[in-house]
Amino acid sequence: MTAKGLPPRVATTILYLSFLLIILGSALHILRLGWTVWIFIIGAIGLTSYFLSASLTARDGSVRERRLNRMGFIGSLFYVVAGGFMYEASNVWIVLFAIASIYVMYSLLAKR
């Protein structure tokens, strides 16, 4: 790991693996299995670490790039909070999941 963040290949792997864990955790939560919450939370923490690393590498970048990284980081924090509500068996996690998905998708798609 460099002072500027993760190497691009590692960051991309973390991003894809985190999304896979988030999707698996939320889809399997329908079956009411207790351990699926932890899959979701691990994916959310991985996504948060990706956006934290991306914000470190974009410090010298444009204002737009920093704003998009900040939006992605906020969205990934919404995923972590949604995991907490999922653990507490509250349906609020669905609303937070939707909001987080919008934030993260916008931040990733607008970068391209």
Protein backbone atom coordinates (compact mmCIF):
# COMPACT_ATOMS: atom_id res chain seq x y z
CA MET A 1 0.00 0.00 0.00
CA THR A 2 1.39 3.35 -1.00
CA ALA A 3 0.89 6.64 0.77
CA LYS A 4 -1.59 7.61 -1.92
CA GLY A 5 -3.97 4.69 -1.38
CA LEU A 6 -4.42 1.19 -2.71
CA PRO A 7 -2.97 -0.02 -6.02
CA PRO A 8 -5.63 0.11 -8.76
CA ARG A 9 -5.89 -3.66 -9.17
CA VAL A 10 -6.41 -4.24 -5.44
CA ALA A 11 -8.93 -1.40 -5.24
CA THR A 12 -10.94 -2.82 -8.15
CA THR A 13 -10.92 -6.28 -6.56
CA ILE A 14 -12.14 -4.84 -3.25
CA LEU A 15 -14.88 -2.93 -5.07
CA TYR A 16 -16.20 -5.96 -6.97
CA LEU A 17 -15.93 -8.32 -4.01
CA SER A 18 -17.69 -5.82 -1.74
CA PHE A 19 -20.56 -5.40 -4.19
CA LEU A 20 -20.86 -9.18 -4.49
CA LEU A 21 -21.05 -9.56 -0.71
CA ILE A 22 -23.61 -6.74 -0.40
CA ILE A 23 -25.83 -8.27 -3.07
CA LEU A 24 -25.53 -11.78 -1.62
CA GLY A 25 -26.18 -10.57 1.92
CA SER A 26 -29.26 -8.59 0.98
CA ALA A 27 -30.69 -11.29 -1.30
CA LEU A 28 -30.13 -14.11 1.18
CA HIS A 29 -31.59 -12.03 4.00
CA ILE A 30 -35.00 -12.84 2.51
CA LEU A 31 -34.52 -16.40 3.75
CA ARG A 32 -34.15 -15.05 7.33
CA LEU A 33 -30.78 -16.67 7.90
CA GLY A 34 -28.91 -14.93 10.71
CA TRP A 35 -25.43 -15.11 9.20
CA THR A 36 -26.40 -13.26 6.01
CA VAL A 37 -26.35 -9.99 7.94
CA TRP A 38 -22.63 -10.43 8.51
CA ILE A 39 -22.00 -11.03 4.80
CA PHE A 40 -23.79 -7.75 4.08
CA ILE A 41 -21.87 -5.84 6.76
CA ILE A 42 -18.49 -7.18 5.60
CA GLY A 43 -19.32 -6.06 2.06
CA ALA A 44 -20.38 -2.63 3.31
CA ILE A 45 -17.15 -2.21 5.28
CA GLY A 46 -15.15 -3.25 2.22
CA LEU A 47 -16.96 -0.69 0.10
CA THR A 48 -16.32 1.98 2.73
CA SER A 49 -12.62 1.15 2.69
CA TYR A 50 -12.60 1.42 -1.11
CA PHE A 51 -14.13 4.90 -1.06
CA LEU A 52 -11.85 5.97 1.78
CA SER A 53 -8.85 4.91 -0.29
CA ALA A 54 -10.28 6.61 -3.37
CA SER A 55 -10.70 9.85 -1.46
CA LEU A 56 -7.05 9.67 -0.36
CA THR A 57 -5.86 9.27 -3.95
CA ALA A 58 -8.09 12.08 -5.22
CA ARG A 59 -6.90 14.77 -2.80
CA ASP A 60 -5.07 16.56 -5.58
CA GLY A 61 -7.84 15.86 -8.09
CA SER A 62 -10.62 18.06 -9.33
CA VAL A 63 -13.44 19.32 -7.17
CA ARG A 64 -15.86 17.08 -9.08
CA GLU A 65 -13.83 13.95 -8.41
CA ARG A 66 -13.54 14.73 -4.72
CA ARG A 67 -17.29 15.39 -4.51
CA LEU A 68 -18.08 12.07 -6.20
CA ASN A 69 -15.75 10.20 -3.84
CA ARG A 70 -17.40 11.91 -0.88
CA MET A 71 -20.85 10.91 -2.16
CA GLY A 72 -19.71 7.32 -2.57
CA PHE A 73 -18.26 7.32 0.95
CA ILE A 74 -21.53 8.64 2.39
CA GLY A 75 -23.46 6.01 0.43
CA SER A 76 -21.21 3.26 1.73
CA LEU A 77 -21.77 4.50 5.29
CA PHE A 78 -25.51 4.20 4.60
CA TYR A 79 -24.85 0.55 3.72
CA VAL A 80 -23.10 0.03 7.07
CA VAL A 81 -26.01 1.64 8.95
CA ALA A 82 -28.45 -0.47 6.90
CA GLY A 83 -26.53 -3.53 8.05
CA GLY A 84 -27.07 -2.43 11.64
CA PHE A 85 -30.81 -2.12 11.07
CA MET A 86 -30.76 -5.48 9.32
CA TYR A 87 -29.11 -6.97 12.41
CA GLU A 88 -31.81 -5.45 14.62
CA ALA A 89 -34.51 -7.01 12.36
CA SER A 90 -35.94 -3.62 11.43
CA ASN A 91 -37.29 -2.91 7.95
CA VAL A 92 -35.62 0.51 7.87
CA TRP A 93 -32.62 -1.18 6.25
CA ILE A 94 -34.55 -1.40 2.97
CA VAL A 95 -34.94 2.38 2.75
CA LEU A 96 -31.29 2.94 3.66
CA PHE A 97 -30.25 0.29 1.13
CA ALA A 98 -32.14 2.13 -1.61
CA ILE A 99 -30.65 5.51 -0.68
CA ALA A 100 -27.14 4.05 -0.46
CA SER A 101 -27.54 2.36 -3.83
CA ILE A 102 -28.48 5.65 -5.48
CA TYR A 103 -25.52 7.48 -3.94
CA VAL A 104 -22.99 4.78 -4.78
CA MET A 105 -24.25 4.13 -8.31
CA TYR A 106 -24.24 7.84 -9.12
CA SER A 107 -20.75 8.33 -7.73
CA LEU A 108 -19.34 5.38 -9.68
CA LEU A 109 -21.16 5.99 -12.96
CA ALA A 110 -20.49 9.74 -13.04
CA LYS A 111 -16.73 9.14 -12.83
CA ARG A 112 -16.69 7.49 -16.24
